[in-house]
Amino acid sequence: MYAHTMNTERLALRVSDAFLEGLDQLAEAEGLSRAEVVRRAVALLAFAKKEKQEGRSMGFFVEEGGVPRIKEVVTL
């Protein structure tokens, strides 16, 4: 049986102190590394773009009286 190895590449980004602070807050809150937060953010953006191409929108919902209501629709 063959072992699957994933090719990886290091990526360097220049970001503001505010961005880095937000990234660190997210990472700490989720118990993730900075890299994993960035990977998940890119995956979410790719998913949202694909859904948009298929005519769907991404949104957030709140429940009011047991009934879901659209709170906000996100456009990209």
C-alpha atoms as a PDB file:
ATOM      1  CA  MET A   1       0.000   0.000   0.000  1.00  0.00           C
ATOM      2  CA  TYR A   2       1.257   3.468  -0.853  1.00  0.00           C
ATOM      3  CA  ALA A   3       1.454   6.205   1.733  1.00  0.00           C
ATOM      4  CA  HIS A   4      -0.092   9.435   0.495  1.00  0.00           C
ATOM      5  CA  THR A   5       2.095  12.450   1.119  1.00  0.00           C
ATOM      6  CA  MET A   6       0.814  15.973   0.780  1.00  0.00           C
ATOM      7  CA  ASN A   7       3.050  18.495  -0.888  1.00  0.00           C
ATOM      8  CA  THR A   8       3.152  21.687   1.109  1.00  0.00           C
ATOM      9  CA  GLU A   9       4.616  25.080   0.490  1.00  0.00           C
ATOM     10  CA  ARG A  10       5.433  27.860   2.910  1.00  0.00           C
ATOM     11  CA  LEU A  11       3.635  31.143   2.308  1.00  0.00           C
ATOM     12  CA  ALA A  12       4.805  34.467   3.710  1.00  0.00           C
ATOM     13  CA  LEU A  13       2.294  37.297   4.152  1.00  0.00           C
ATOM     14  CA  ARG A  14       2.704  40.884   5.217  1.00  0.00           C
ATOM     15  CA  VAL A  15      -0.168  41.831   7.484  1.00  0.00           C
ATOM     16  CA  SER A  16      -1.000  44.728   9.773  1.00  0.00           C
ATOM     17  CA  ASP A  17      -0.759  44.483  13.541  1.00  0.00           C
ATOM     18  CA  ALA A  18      -4.558  44.694  13.701  1.00  0.00           C
ATOM     19  CA  PHE A  19      -4.933  41.749  11.308  1.00  0.00           C
ATOM     20  CA  LEU A  20      -2.440  39.707  13.287  1.00  0.00           C
ATOM     21  CA  GLU A  21      -4.207  40.524  16.551  1.00  0.00           C
ATOM     22  CA  GLY A  22      -7.541  39.394  15.075  1.00  0.00           C
ATOM     23  CA  LEU A  23      -5.946  36.238  13.689  1.00  0.00           C
ATOM     24  CA  ASP A  24      -4.440  35.405  17.069  1.00  0.00           C
ATOM     25  CA  GLN A  25      -7.779  36.006  18.815  1.00  0.00           C
ATOM     26  CA  LEU A  26      -9.535  33.653  16.402  1.00  0.00           C
ATOM     27  CA  ALA A  27      -6.836  31.026  16.727  1.00  0.00           C
ATOM     28  CA  GLU A  28      -6.939  31.138  20.512  1.00  0.00           C
ATOM     29  CA  ALA A  29     -10.749  31.095  20.679  1.00  0.00           C
ATOM     30  CA  GLU A  30     -10.936  28.076  18.364  1.00  0.00           C
ATOM     31  CA  GLY A  31      -7.877  26.269  19.720  1.00  0.00           C
ATOM     32  CA  LEU A  32      -6.251  26.375  16.295  1.00  0.00           C
ATOM     33  CA  SER A  33      -2.962  27.500  14.835  1.00  0.00           C
ATOM     34  CA  ARG A  34      -2.712  30.672  12.793  1.00  0.00           C
ATOM     35  CA  ALA A  35      -2.136  28.543   9.703  1.00  0.00           C
ATOM     36  CA  GLU A  36      -5.286  26.491  10.303  1.00  0.00           C
ATOM     37  CA  VAL A  37      -7.393  29.625  10.750  1.00  0.00           C
ATOM     38  CA  VAL A  38      -6.092  30.948   7.413  1.00  0.00           C
ATOM     39  CA  ARG A  39      -6.673  27.572   5.696  1.00  0.00           C
ATOM     40  CA  ARG A  40     -10.269  27.469   6.960  1.00  0.00           C
ATOM     41  CA  ALA A  41     -10.882  31.072   5.922  1.00  0.00           C
ATOM     42  CA  VAL A  42      -9.669  30.354   2.390  1.00  0.00           C
ATOM     43  CA  ALA A  43     -11.787  27.180   2.240  1.00  0.00           C
ATOM     44  CA  LEU A  44     -14.858  29.159   3.342  1.00  0.00           C
ATOM     45  CA  LEU A  45     -14.213  31.833   0.707  1.00  0.00           C
ATOM     46  CA  ALA A  46     -13.796  29.171  -1.996  1.00  0.00           C
ATOM     47  CA  PHE A  47     -17.066  27.523  -0.905  1.00  0.00           C
ATOM     48  CA  ALA A  48     -18.924  30.847  -0.918  1.00  0.00           C
ATOM     49  CA  LYS A  49     -17.608  31.709  -4.404  1.00  0.00           C
ATOM     50  CA  LYS A  50     -18.684  28.294  -5.733  1.00  0.00           C
ATOM     51  CA  GLU A  51     -22.155  28.695  -4.250  1.00  0.00           C
ATOM     52  CA  LYS A  52     -22.456  32.176  -5.748  1.00  0.00           C
ATOM     53  CA  GLN A  53     -21.569  30.784  -9.188  1.00  0.00           C
ATOM     54  CA  GLU A  54     -24.473  28.370  -8.765  1.00  0.00           C
ATOM     55  CA  GLY A  55     -26.865  31.196  -7.921  1.00  0.00           C
ATOM     56  CA  ARG A  56     -26.938  30.769  -4.161  1.00  0.00           C
ATOM     57  CA  SER A  57     -26.168  33.260  -1.406  1.00  0.00           C
ATOM     58  CA  MET A  58     -24.606  32.794   1.989  1.00  0.00           C
ATOM     59  CA  GLY A  59     -26.390  34.250   4.971  1.00  0.00           C
ATOM     60  CA  PHE A  60     -26.806  34.230   8.712  1.00  0.00           C
ATOM     61  CA  PHE A  61     -29.991  33.371  10.520  1.00  0.00           C
ATOM     62  CA  VAL A  62     -31.491  34.081  13.919  1.00  0.00           C
ATOM     63  CA  GLU A  63     -34.397  32.290  15.539  1.00  0.00           C
ATOM     64  CA  GLU A  64     -37.340  34.363  16.636  1.00  0.00           C
ATOM     65  CA  GLY A  65     -40.134  32.463  18.307  1.00  0.00           C
ATOM     66  CA  GLY A  66     -38.764  29.195  16.949  1.00  0.00           C
ATOM     67  CA  VAL A  67     -38.822  30.501  13.370  1.00  0.00           C
ATOM     68  CA  PRO A  68     -35.581  31.102  11.488  1.00  0.00           C
ATOM     69  CA  ARG A  69     -35.245  34.599  10.057  1.00  0.00           C
ATOM     70  CA  ILE A  70     -32.532  35.898   7.775  1.00  0.00           C
ATOM     71  CA  LYS A  71     -30.341  38.279   9.726  1.00  0.00           C
ATOM     72  CA  GLU A  72     -27.834  39.115   7.032  1.00  0.00           C
ATOM     73  CA  VAL A  73     -26.916  38.003   3.530  1.00  0.00           C
ATOM     74  CA  VAL A  74     -23.239  38.054   2.662  1.00  0.00           C
ATOM     75  CA  THR A  75     -22.169  39.016  -0.833  1.00  0.00           C
ATOM     76  CA  LEU A  76     -18.738  38.509  -2.282  1.00  0.00           C
END
